[in-house]
Amino acid sequence: MSEIAQQQFGGVGGVAAMRPMTVFSSKKRLDFEQLEPAKEWFRGVLGSMKIAEAARECGLSTHTIRYYEKSGMLPEIERGADGHRRFNPRDVNWLTLLYWLRETGMSLKQMQRFTTLAKASEMGVAERRQILLDHAEALKIRRAGLEKCESVLAFKIASYDDLAREVEE
């Protein structure tokens, strides 16, 4: 993993840290990203999370998590004696990755292929990498298109500013 990725995403296995939360108190600023190791330890000691807790952690809705599970995009999720899903930190990291893949516009079909390869074994590493490289390239193209749109809007806003000044004079 690159140094930049480690800084931004918390290193290997730190996918959940991609969405750092910060709380401000009257005395000092507390960065929850620094608490990730403690949170993982607590989860290990206290047990796994219910679906609502996992949803809060990863940013997905409970409905989306259930859909991803039915679509085969999740590993086998443990169930408690009560039949309810129990998510461990690794499950939440995977859900967070799926959140970001979808947030960046990856299609469900691509996500399903990616997860199928990930569940298969190490043999699909090259293809998973290629899926991510292709998606990164698509993001670059999309970003360039959005920058062009922003330029057009800025030009149009400036023309309205000119018109407003002419009307005032």
N, C-alpha and C. Protein backbone atom coordinates (compact mmCIF):
# COMPACT_ATOMS: atom_id res chain seq x y z
N MET A 1 0.85 -1.17 0.00
CA MET A 1 0.00 0.00 0.00
C MET A 1 0.90 1.23 0.00
N SER A 2 0.54 2.22 -0.80
CA SER A 2 1.35 3.43 -0.87
C SER A 2 1.29 4.21 0.43
N GLU A 3 2.28 5.09 0.61
CA GLU A 3 2.32 5.90 1.83
C GLU A 3 1.09 6.79 1.93
N ILE A 4 0.66 7.35 0.80
CA ILE A 4 -0.53 8.21 0.79
C ILE A 4 -1.76 7.41 1.19
N ALA A 5 -1.90 6.21 0.62
CA ALA A 5 -3.05 5.38 0.96
C ALA A 5 -3.03 5.00 2.43
N GLN A 6 -1.85 4.71 2.97
CA GLN A 6 -1.77 4.38 4.38
C GLN A 6 -2.19 5.56 5.25
N GLN A 7 -1.79 6.77 4.84
CA GLN A 7 -2.17 7.96 5.61
C GLN A 7 -3.67 8.19 5.52
N GLN A 8 -4.23 8.05 4.31
CA GLN A 8 -5.64 8.35 4.11
C GLN A 8 -6.55 7.25 4.64
N PHE A 9 -6.13 6.00 4.49
CA PHE A 9 -7.04 4.90 4.77
C PHE A 9 -6.62 4.04 5.95
N GLY A 10 -5.62 4.46 6.70
CA GLY A 10 -5.27 3.74 7.92
C GLY A 10 -4.48 2.48 7.71
N GLY A 11 -3.85 2.31 6.57
CA GLY A 11 -2.99 1.15 6.35
C GLY A 11 -3.79 -0.10 6.04
N VAL A 12 -3.12 -1.22 6.05
CA VAL A 12 -3.72 -2.50 5.71
C VAL A 12 -4.84 -2.82 6.69
N GLY A 13 -5.99 -3.17 6.16
CA GLY A 13 -7.12 -3.54 7.00
C GLY A 13 -7.81 -2.38 7.66
N GLY A 14 -7.38 -1.18 7.37
CA GLY A 14 -7.97 -0.02 8.02
C GLY A 14 -9.01 0.67 7.16
N VAL A 15 -9.73 -0.09 6.37
CA VAL A 15 -10.70 0.51 5.47
C VAL A 15 -11.74 1.32 6.22
N ALA A 16 -12.16 0.85 7.39
CA ALA A 16 -13.17 1.57 8.16
C ALA A 16 -12.69 2.95 8.57
N ALA A 17 -11.39 3.12 8.64
CA ALA A 17 -10.84 4.42 9.05
C ALA A 17 -10.91 5.45 7.93
N MET A 18 -11.42 5.07 6.75
CA MET A 18 -11.52 6.02 5.65
C MET A 18 -12.53 7.11 5.93
N ARG A 19 -13.38 6.92 6.89
CA ARG A 19 -14.39 7.92 7.22
C ARG A 19 -14.15 8.41 8.63
N PRO A 20 -13.04 9.16 8.84
CA PRO A 20 -12.74 9.59 10.20
C PRO A 20 -13.79 10.55 10.73
N MET A 21 -14.08 10.41 12.00
CA MET A 21 -15.04 11.29 12.65
C MET A 21 -14.29 12.09 13.70
N THR A 22 -14.63 13.34 13.84
CA THR A 22 -13.97 14.19 14.82
C THR A 22 -15.02 14.80 15.72
N VAL A 23 -14.74 14.81 17.01
CA VAL A 23 -15.63 15.42 17.98
C VAL A 23 -14.89 16.58 18.62
N PHE A 24 -15.58 17.68 18.80
CA PHE A 24 -14.99 18.84 19.43
C PHE A 24 -15.58 19.01 20.82
N SER A 25 -14.74 19.15 21.79
CA SER A 25 -15.21 19.46 23.14
C SER A 25 -14.70 20.85 23.48
N SER A 26 -15.14 21.37 24.60
CA SER A 26 -14.73 22.71 24.98
C SER A 26 -13.25 22.77 25.31
N LYS A 27 -12.65 21.64 25.66
CA LYS A 27 -11.25 21.65 26.07
C LYS A 27 -10.29 21.23 24.97
N LYS A 28 -10.62 20.19 24.23
CA LYS A 28 -9.70 19.73 23.20
C LYS A 28 -10.45 18.98 22.10
N ARG A 29 -9.74 18.77 21.02
CA ARG A 29 -10.29 18.06 19.87
C ARG A 29 -9.91 16.59 19.99
N LEU A 30 -10.89 15.71 19.85
CA LEU A 30 -10.65 14.28 19.94
C LEU A 30 -10.86 13.68 18.56
N ASP A 31 -9.85 13.03 18.03
CA ASP A 31 -9.92 12.43 16.71
C ASP A 31 -10.18 10.94 16.86
N PHE A 32 -11.37 10.50 16.47
CA PHE A 32 -11.74 9.10 16.66
C PHE A 32 -10.92 8.15 15.80
N GLU A 33 -10.28 8.68 14.75
CA GLU A 33 -9.44 7.83 13.92
C GLU A 33 -8.33 7.21 14.77
N GLN A 34 -7.86 7.94 15.77
CA GLN A 34 -6.81 7.43 16.65
C GLN A 34 -7.34 6.32 17.57
N LEU A 35 -8.64 6.23 17.73
CA LEU A 35 -9.23 5.24 18.62
C LEU A 35 -9.56 3.93 17.93
N GLU A 36 -9.32 3.82 16.62
CA GLU A 36 -9.68 2.61 15.89
C GLU A 36 -9.12 1.34 16.53
N PRO A 37 -7.83 1.29 16.91
CA PRO A 37 -7.34 0.05 17.53
C PRO A 37 -8.09 -0.31 18.80
N ALA A 38 -8.42 0.69 19.60
CA ALA A 38 -9.17 0.43 20.84
C ALA A 38 -10.57 -0.06 20.52
N LYS A 39 -11.21 0.54 19.51
CA LYS A 39 -12.56 0.11 19.15
C LYS A 39 -12.54 -1.34 18.68
N GLU A 40 -11.53 -1.72 17.88
CA GLU A 40 -11.44 -3.09 17.40
C GLU A 40 -11.26 -4.05 18.58
N TRP A 41 -10.41 -3.69 19.53
CA TRP A 41 -10.18 -4.52 20.70
C TRP A 41 -11.47 -4.69 21.49
N PHE A 42 -12.20 -3.58 21.69
CA PHE A 42 -13.47 -3.64 22.40
C PHE A 42 -14.45 -4.57 21.72
N ARG A 43 -14.54 -4.47 20.41
CA ARG A 43 -15.46 -5.34 19.68
C ARG A 43 -15.09 -6.80 19.89
N GLY A 44 -13.79 -7.08 19.88
CA GLY A 44 -13.33 -8.44 20.10
C GLY A 44 -13.69 -8.95 21.49
N VAL A 45 -13.60 -8.08 22.46
CA VAL A 45 -13.91 -8.45 23.84
C VAL A 45 -15.41 -8.54 24.06
N LEU A 46 -16.13 -7.56 23.56
CA LEU A 46 -17.57 -7.48 23.82
C LEU A 46 -18.41 -8.28 22.85
N GLY A 47 -17.84 -8.74 21.76
CA GLY A 47 -18.59 -9.50 20.78
C GLY A 47 -18.82 -8.70 19.52
N SER A 48 -19.65 -9.21 18.69
CA SER A 48 -19.87 -8.60 17.39
C SER A 48 -21.03 -7.61 17.43
N MET A 49 -21.21 -6.93 16.31
CA MET A 49 -22.22 -5.88 16.21
C MET A 49 -23.48 -6.39 15.53
N LYS A 50 -24.59 -5.79 15.89
CA LYS A 50 -25.84 -6.04 15.20
C LYS A 50 -25.84 -5.22 13.91
N ILE A 51 -26.80 -5.47 13.05
CA ILE A 51 -26.81 -4.83 11.74
C ILE A 51 -26.91 -3.31 11.84
N ALA A 52 -27.68 -2.78 12.78
CA ALA A 52 -27.80 -1.33 12.91
C ALA A 52 -26.47 -0.70 13.30
N GLU A 53 -25.73 -1.37 14.18
CA GLU A 53 -24.41 -0.86 14.59
C GLU A 53 -23.43 -0.92 13.43
N ALA A 54 -23.46 -2.03 12.69
CA ALA A 54 -22.58 -2.17 11.52
C ALA A 54 -22.92 -1.10 10.48
N ALA A 55 -24.20 -0.83 10.30
CA ALA A 55 -24.63 0.19 9.34
C ALA A 55 -24.09 1.56 9.74
N ARG A 56 -24.17 1.88 11.01
CA ARG A 56 -23.63 3.16 11.50
C ARG A 56 -22.14 3.26 11.25
N GLU A 57 -21.42 2.17 11.46
CA GLU A 57 -19.97 2.16 11.31
C GLU A 57 -19.54 2.33 9.85
N CYS A 58 -20.24 1.67 8.93
CA CYS A 58 -19.77 1.65 7.54
C CYS A 58 -20.44 2.69 6.65
N GLY A 59 -21.56 3.25 7.08
CA GLY A 59 -22.23 4.27 6.27
C GLY A 59 -23.32 3.75 5.35
N LEU A 60 -23.53 2.46 5.33
CA LEU A 60 -24.60 1.88 4.51
C LEU A 60 -25.88 1.77 5.33
N SER A 61 -27.00 1.70 4.66
CA SER A 61 -28.26 1.46 5.37
C SER A 61 -28.39 -0.03 5.66
N THR A 62 -29.22 -0.37 6.61
CA THR A 62 -29.45 -1.78 6.92
C THR A 62 -30.06 -2.49 5.70
N HIS A 63 -30.91 -1.78 4.98
CA HIS A 63 -31.52 -2.35 3.77
C HIS A 63 -30.44 -2.71 2.75
N THR A 64 -29.48 -1.80 2.55
CA THR A 64 -28.41 -2.05 1.58
C THR A 64 -27.54 -3.21 2.02
N ILE A 65 -27.25 -3.30 3.31
CA ILE A 65 -26.45 -4.42 3.82
C ILE A 65 -27.16 -5.74 3.54
N ARG A 66 -28.46 -5.79 3.80
CA ARG A 66 -29.22 -7.02 3.52
C ARG A 66 -29.20 -7.35 2.03
N TYR A 67 -29.33 -6.30 1.20
CA TYR A 67 -29.30 -6.51 -0.25
C TYR A 67 -27.95 -7.06 -0.68
N TYR A 68 -26.87 -6.47 -0.18
CA TYR A 68 -25.53 -6.95 -0.54
C TYR A 68 -25.34 -8.40 -0.09
N GLU A 69 -25.89 -8.74 1.06
CA GLU A 69 -25.78 -10.12 1.53
C GLU A 69 -26.54 -11.08 0.60
N LYS A 70 -27.75 -10.70 0.24
CA LYS A 70 -28.55 -11.54 -0.66
C LYS A 70 -27.91 -11.65 -2.04
N SER A 71 -27.19 -10.61 -2.45
CA SER A 71 -26.53 -10.58 -3.76
C SER A 71 -25.22 -11.35 -3.76
N GLY A 72 -24.81 -11.85 -2.61
CA GLY A 72 -23.59 -12.63 -2.52
C GLY A 72 -22.33 -11.78 -2.41
N MET A 73 -22.47 -10.50 -2.07
CA MET A 73 -21.30 -9.63 -2.01
C MET A 73 -20.65 -9.60 -0.63
N LEU A 74 -21.20 -10.32 0.33
CA LEU A 74 -20.63 -10.34 1.67
C LEU A 74 -20.12 -11.74 1.99
N PRO A 75 -19.13 -11.80 2.88
CA PRO A 75 -18.73 -13.13 3.36
C PRO A 75 -19.88 -13.71 4.19
N GLU A 76 -19.74 -14.94 4.58
CA GLU A 76 -20.76 -15.56 5.43
C GLU A 76 -20.85 -14.76 6.73
N ILE A 77 -22.02 -14.21 7.00
CA ILE A 77 -22.23 -13.41 8.21
C ILE A 77 -22.74 -14.33 9.31
N GLU A 78 -22.07 -14.28 10.44
CA GLU A 78 -22.49 -15.11 11.57
C GLU A 78 -23.87 -14.68 12.05
N ARG A 79 -24.57 -15.61 12.64
CA ARG A 79 -25.87 -15.31 13.24
C ARG A 79 -25.84 -15.75 14.69
N GLY A 80 -26.47 -14.95 15.53
CA GLY A 80 -26.55 -15.29 16.95
C GLY A 80 -27.60 -16.34 17.19
N ALA A 81 -27.73 -16.76 18.43
CA ALA A 81 -28.74 -17.75 18.81
C ALA A 81 -30.14 -17.26 18.48
N ASP A 82 -30.30 -15.93 18.47
CA ASP A 82 -31.60 -15.34 18.15
C ASP A 82 -31.86 -15.24 16.65
N GLY A 83 -30.89 -15.67 15.83
CA GLY A 83 -31.04 -15.63 14.38
C GLY A 83 -30.64 -14.30 13.74
N HIS A 84 -30.27 -13.33 14.55
CA HIS A 84 -29.88 -12.02 14.03
C HIS A 84 -28.43 -12.04 13.57
N ARG A 85 -28.15 -11.25 12.54
CA ARG A 85 -26.80 -11.14 12.02
C ARG A 85 -25.86 -10.56 13.08
N ARG A 86 -24.63 -11.03 13.08
CA ARG A 86 -23.59 -10.53 13.97
C ARG A 86 -22.37 -10.20 13.10
N PHE A 87 -22.02 -8.93 13.06
CA PHE A 87 -20.93 -8.45 12.22
C PHE A 87 -19.67 -8.25 13.05
N ASN A 88 -18.55 -8.79 12.56
CA ASN A 88 -17.27 -8.58 13.23
C ASN A 88 -16.55 -7.42 12.53
N PRO A 89 -15.43 -6.96 13.09
CA PRO A 89 -14.72 -5.83 12.47
C PRO A 89 -14.32 -6.07 11.02
N ARG A 90 -13.96 -7.29 10.70
CA ARG A 90 -13.58 -7.59 9.31
C ARG A 90 -14.79 -7.42 8.38
N ASP A 91 -15.96 -7.84 8.82
CA ASP A 91 -17.18 -7.66 8.03
C ASP A 91 -17.45 -6.17 7.81
N VAL A 92 -17.27 -5.38 8.85
CA VAL A 92 -17.52 -3.93 8.76
C VAL A 92 -16.51 -3.28 7.82
N ASN A 93 -15.26 -3.73 7.86
CA ASN A 93 -14.26 -3.21 6.91
C ASN A 93 -14.68 -3.51 5.48
N TRP A 94 -15.19 -4.72 5.25
CA TRP A 94 -15.63 -5.09 3.90
C TRP A 94 -16.83 -4.24 3.48
N LEU A 95 -17.77 -4.05 4.39
CA LEU A 95 -18.93 -3.20 4.10
C LEU A 95 -18.50 -1.77 3.78
N THR A 96 -17.50 -1.28 4.49
CA THR A 96 -17.01 0.08 4.25
C THR A 96 -16.37 0.17 2.87
N LEU A 97 -15.63 -0.85 2.49
CA LEU A 97 -15.07 -0.87 1.14
C LEU A 97 -16.19 -0.84 0.10
N LEU A 98 -17.22 -1.64 0.30
CA LEU A 98 -18.35 -1.64 -0.63
C LEU A 98 -19.02 -0.26 -0.68
N TYR A 99 -19.14 0.39 0.48
CA TYR A 99 -19.68 1.75 0.52
C TYR A 99 -18.90 2.65 -0.42
N TRP A 100 -17.57 2.62 -0.30
CA TRP A 100 -16.74 3.53 -1.10
C TRP A 100 -16.73 3.15 -2.57
N LEU A 101 -16.77 1.87 -2.89
CA LEU A 101 -16.84 1.48 -4.29
C LEU A 101 -18.12 2.02 -4.93
N ARG A 102 -19.23 1.88 -4.21
CA ARG A 102 -20.50 2.37 -4.73
C ARG A 102 -20.53 3.90 -4.77
N GLU A 103 -19.97 4.52 -3.74
CA GLU A 103 -19.93 5.98 -3.66
C GLU A 103 -19.16 6.58 -4.84
N THR A 104 -18.16 5.85 -5.32
CA THR A 104 -17.38 6.34 -6.46
C THR A 104 -18.01 5.96 -7.80
N GLY A 105 -19.17 5.35 -7.74
CA GLY A 105 -19.90 5.07 -8.97
C GLY A 105 -19.66 3.70 -9.57
N MET A 106 -19.01 2.80 -8.86
CA MET A 106 -18.81 1.46 -9.41
C MET A 106 -20.18 0.78 -9.54
N SER A 107 -20.38 0.12 -10.64
CA SER A 107 -21.66 -0.55 -10.86
C SER A 107 -21.79 -1.76 -9.94
N LEU A 108 -23.03 -2.15 -9.68
CA LEU A 108 -23.26 -3.34 -8.85
C LEU A 108 -22.68 -4.57 -9.52
N LYS A 109 -22.75 -4.62 -10.84
CA LYS A 109 -22.19 -5.76 -11.57
C LYS A 109 -20.68 -5.86 -11.34
N GLN A 110 -19.97 -4.73 -11.41
CA GLN A 110 -18.53 -4.72 -11.15
C GLN A 110 -18.25 -5.11 -9.70
N MET A 111 -19.05 -4.57 -8.79
CA MET A 111 -18.86 -4.89 -7.37
C MET A 111 -19.07 -6.38 -7.13
N GLN A 112 -20.06 -6.97 -7.77
CA GLN A 112 -20.32 -8.39 -7.60
C GLN A 112 -19.15 -9.22 -8.14
N ARG A 113 -18.61 -8.81 -9.28
CA ARG A 113 -17.45 -9.52 -9.83
C ARG A 113 -16.26 -9.41 -8.88
N PHE A 114 -16.03 -8.21 -8.39
CA PHE A 114 -14.93 -7.96 -7.46
C PHE A 114 -15.06 -8.83 -6.21
N THR A 115 -16.26 -8.87 -5.63
CA THR A 115 -16.45 -9.64 -4.41
C THR A 115 -16.39 -11.14 -4.66
N THR A 116 -16.86 -11.58 -5.82
CA THR A 116 -16.75 -13.00 -6.17
C THR A 116 -15.29 -13.41 -6.23
N LEU A 117 -14.47 -12.58 -6.86
CA LEU A 117 -13.03 -12.85 -6.94
C LEU A 117 -12.38 -12.83 -5.57
N ALA A 118 -12.78 -11.88 -4.73
CA ALA A 118 -12.20 -11.77 -3.40
C ALA A 118 -12.54 -12.98 -2.54
N LYS A 119 -13.73 -13.51 -2.71
CA LYS A 119 -14.15 -14.67 -1.92
C LYS A 119 -13.50 -15.95 -2.44
N ALA A 120 -13.11 -15.95 -3.73
CA ALA A 120 -12.56 -17.16 -4.34
C ALA A 120 -11.21 -17.55 -3.75
N SER A 121 -10.30 -16.62 -3.66
CA SER A 121 -8.98 -16.86 -3.07
C SER A 121 -8.00 -15.84 -3.61
N GLU A 122 -6.74 -16.14 -3.39
CA GLU A 122 -5.67 -15.25 -3.85
C GLU A 122 -5.53 -15.28 -5.37
N MET A 123 -6.12 -16.25 -6.03
CA MET A 123 -5.96 -16.38 -7.47
C MET A 123 -6.54 -15.20 -8.24
N GLY A 124 -7.52 -14.52 -7.68
CA GLY A 124 -8.16 -13.43 -8.38
C GLY A 124 -7.56 -12.07 -8.12
N VAL A 125 -6.39 -12.02 -7.47
CA VAL A 125 -5.79 -10.75 -7.09
C VAL A 125 -5.53 -9.87 -8.31
N ALA A 126 -4.96 -10.42 -9.36
CA ALA A 126 -4.63 -9.63 -10.55
C ALA A 126 -5.89 -9.05 -11.18
N GLU A 127 -6.95 -9.84 -11.25
CA GLU A 127 -8.19 -9.35 -11.85
C GLU A 127 -8.86 -8.30 -10.96
N ARG A 128 -8.82 -8.52 -9.65
CA ARG A 128 -9.37 -7.51 -8.73
C ARG A 128 -8.62 -6.19 -8.87
N ARG A 129 -7.31 -6.28 -8.96
CA ARG A 129 -6.48 -5.09 -9.15
C ARG A 129 -6.86 -4.39 -10.44
N GLN A 130 -7.08 -5.16 -11.50
CA GLN A 130 -7.44 -4.57 -12.79
C GLN A 130 -8.81 -3.90 -12.72
N ILE A 131 -9.74 -4.50 -12.02
CA ILE A 131 -11.06 -3.88 -11.84
C ILE A 131 -10.89 -2.51 -11.18
N LEU A 132 -10.07 -2.46 -10.14
CA LEU A 132 -9.85 -1.19 -9.43
C LEU A 132 -9.11 -0.19 -10.31
N LEU A 133 -8.13 -0.65 -11.09
CA LEU A 133 -7.42 0.25 -12.01
C LEU A 133 -8.37 0.82 -13.06
N ASP A 134 -9.21 -0.03 -13.62
CA ASP A 134 -10.19 0.42 -14.62
C ASP A 134 -11.15 1.44 -14.00
N HIS A 135 -11.56 1.16 -12.78
CA HIS A 135 -12.48 2.07 -12.12
C HIS A 135 -11.81 3.41 -11.81
N ALA A 136 -10.55 3.36 -11.40
CA ALA A 136 -9.80 4.60 -11.14
C ALA A 136 -9.69 5.43 -12.41
N GLU A 137 -9.49 4.78 -13.53
CA GLU A 137 -9.41 5.50 -14.82
C GLU A 137 -10.77 6.12 -15.16
N ALA A 138 -11.84 5.39 -14.92
CA ALA A 138 -13.18 5.93 -15.16
C ALA A 138 -13.44 7.14 -14.27
N LEU A 139 -12.94 7.10 -13.03
CA LEU A 139 -13.09 8.25 -12.13
C LEU A 139 -12.34 9.47 -12.64
N LYS A 140 -11.15 9.24 -13.22
CA LYS A 140 -10.37 10.36 -13.78
C LYS A 140 -11.15 11.02 -14.92
N ILE A 141 -11.74 10.20 -15.76
CA ILE A 141 -12.52 10.73 -16.89
C ILE A 141 -13.74 11.49 -16.37
N ARG A 142 -14.41 10.91 -15.39
CA ARG A 142 -15.57 11.58 -14.80
C ARG A 142 -15.19 12.90 -14.14
N ARG A 143 -14.06 12.90 -13.44
CA ARG A 143 -13.57 14.13 -12.79
C ARG A 143 -13.29 15.21 -13.83
N ALA A 144 -12.68 14.83 -14.95
CA ALA A 144 -12.39 15.79 -16.01
C ALA A 144 -13.69 16.37 -16.57
N GLY A 145 -14.69 15.53 -16.73
CA GLY A 145 -16.00 16.01 -17.21
C GLY A 145 -16.64 16.97 -16.23
N LEU A 146 -16.54 16.65 -14.93
CA LEU A 146 -17.10 17.54 -13.91
C LEU A 146 -16.35 18.87 -13.86
N GLU A 147 -15.04 18.84 -14.07
CA GLU A 147 -14.27 20.09 -14.10
C GLU A 147 -14.69 20.96 -15.28
N LYS A 148 -14.98 20.32 -16.41
CA LYS A 148 -15.46 21.07 -17.58
C LYS A 148 -16.82 21.70 -17.27
N CYS A 149 -17.70 20.93 -16.63
CA CYS A 149 -19.01 21.46 -16.24
C CYS A 149 -18.86 22.64 -15.29
N GLU A 150 -17.94 22.54 -14.37
CA GLU A 150 -17.71 23.62 -13.42
C GLU A 150 -17.23 24.87 -14.16
N SER A 151 -16.38 24.70 -15.15
CA SER A 151 -15.89 25.84 -15.94
C SER A 151 -17.03 26.52 -16.70
N VAL A 152 -17.90 25.71 -17.27
CA VAL A 152 -19.05 26.27 -18.00
C VAL A 152 -19.94 27.06 -17.05
N LEU A 153 -20.20 26.49 -15.87
CA LEU A 153 -21.03 27.19 -14.89
C LEU A 153 -20.37 28.48 -14.43
N ALA A 154 -19.07 28.46 -14.19
CA ALA A 154 -18.35 29.67 -13.77
C ALA A 154 -18.44 30.75 -14.84
N PHE A 155 -18.32 30.35 -16.10
CA PHE A 155 -18.44 31.30 -17.21
C PHE A 155 -19.84 31.91 -17.24
N LYS A 156 -20.84 31.08 -17.08
CA LYS A 156 -22.23 31.56 -17.13
C LYS A 156 -22.53 32.48 -15.93
N ILE A 157 -22.05 32.12 -14.76
CA ILE A 157 -22.24 32.96 -13.57
C ILE A 157 -21.58 34.32 -13.78
N ALA A 158 -20.38 34.32 -14.35
CA ALA A 158 -19.68 35.58 -14.63
C ALA A 158 -20.46 36.43 -15.62
N SER A 159 -21.08 35.80 -16.60
CA SER A 159 -21.87 36.57 -17.58
C SER A 159 -23.10 37.20 -16.90
N TYR A 160 -23.70 36.48 -15.94
CA TYR A 160 -24.82 37.06 -15.20
C TYR A 160 -24.36 38.18 -14.27
N ASP A 161 -23.17 38.03 -13.72
CA ASP A 161 -22.61 39.12 -12.90
C ASP A 161 -22.43 40.37 -13.76
N ASP A 162 -21.94 40.21 -14.98
CA ASP A 162 -21.78 41.34 -15.91
C ASP A 162 -23.12 41.99 -16.23
N LEU A 163 -24.12 41.15 -16.49
CA LEU A 163 -25.46 41.67 -16.78
C LEU A 163 -26.02 42.44 -15.59
N ALA A 164 -25.82 41.91 -14.40
CA ALA A 164 -26.33 42.58 -13.19
C ALA A 164 -25.66 43.95 -13.02
N ARG A 165 -24.37 44.05 -13.30
CA ARG A 165 -23.67 45.33 -13.19
C ARG A 165 -24.19 46.32 -14.23
N GLU A 166 -24.49 45.84 -15.44
CA GLU A 166 -24.99 46.71 -16.50
C GLU A 166 -26.36 47.28 -16.12
N VAL A 167 -27.20 46.44 -15.51
CA VAL A 167 -28.52 46.85 -15.12
C VAL A 167 -28.44 47.89 -14.01
N GLU A 168 -27.49 47.75 -13.09
CA GLU A 168 -27.33 48.69 -11.98
C GLU A 168 -26.84 50.05 -12.46
N GLU A 169 -26.10 50.08 -13.57
CA GLU A 169 -25.53 51.35 -14.05
C GLU A 169 -26.50 52.17 -14.78
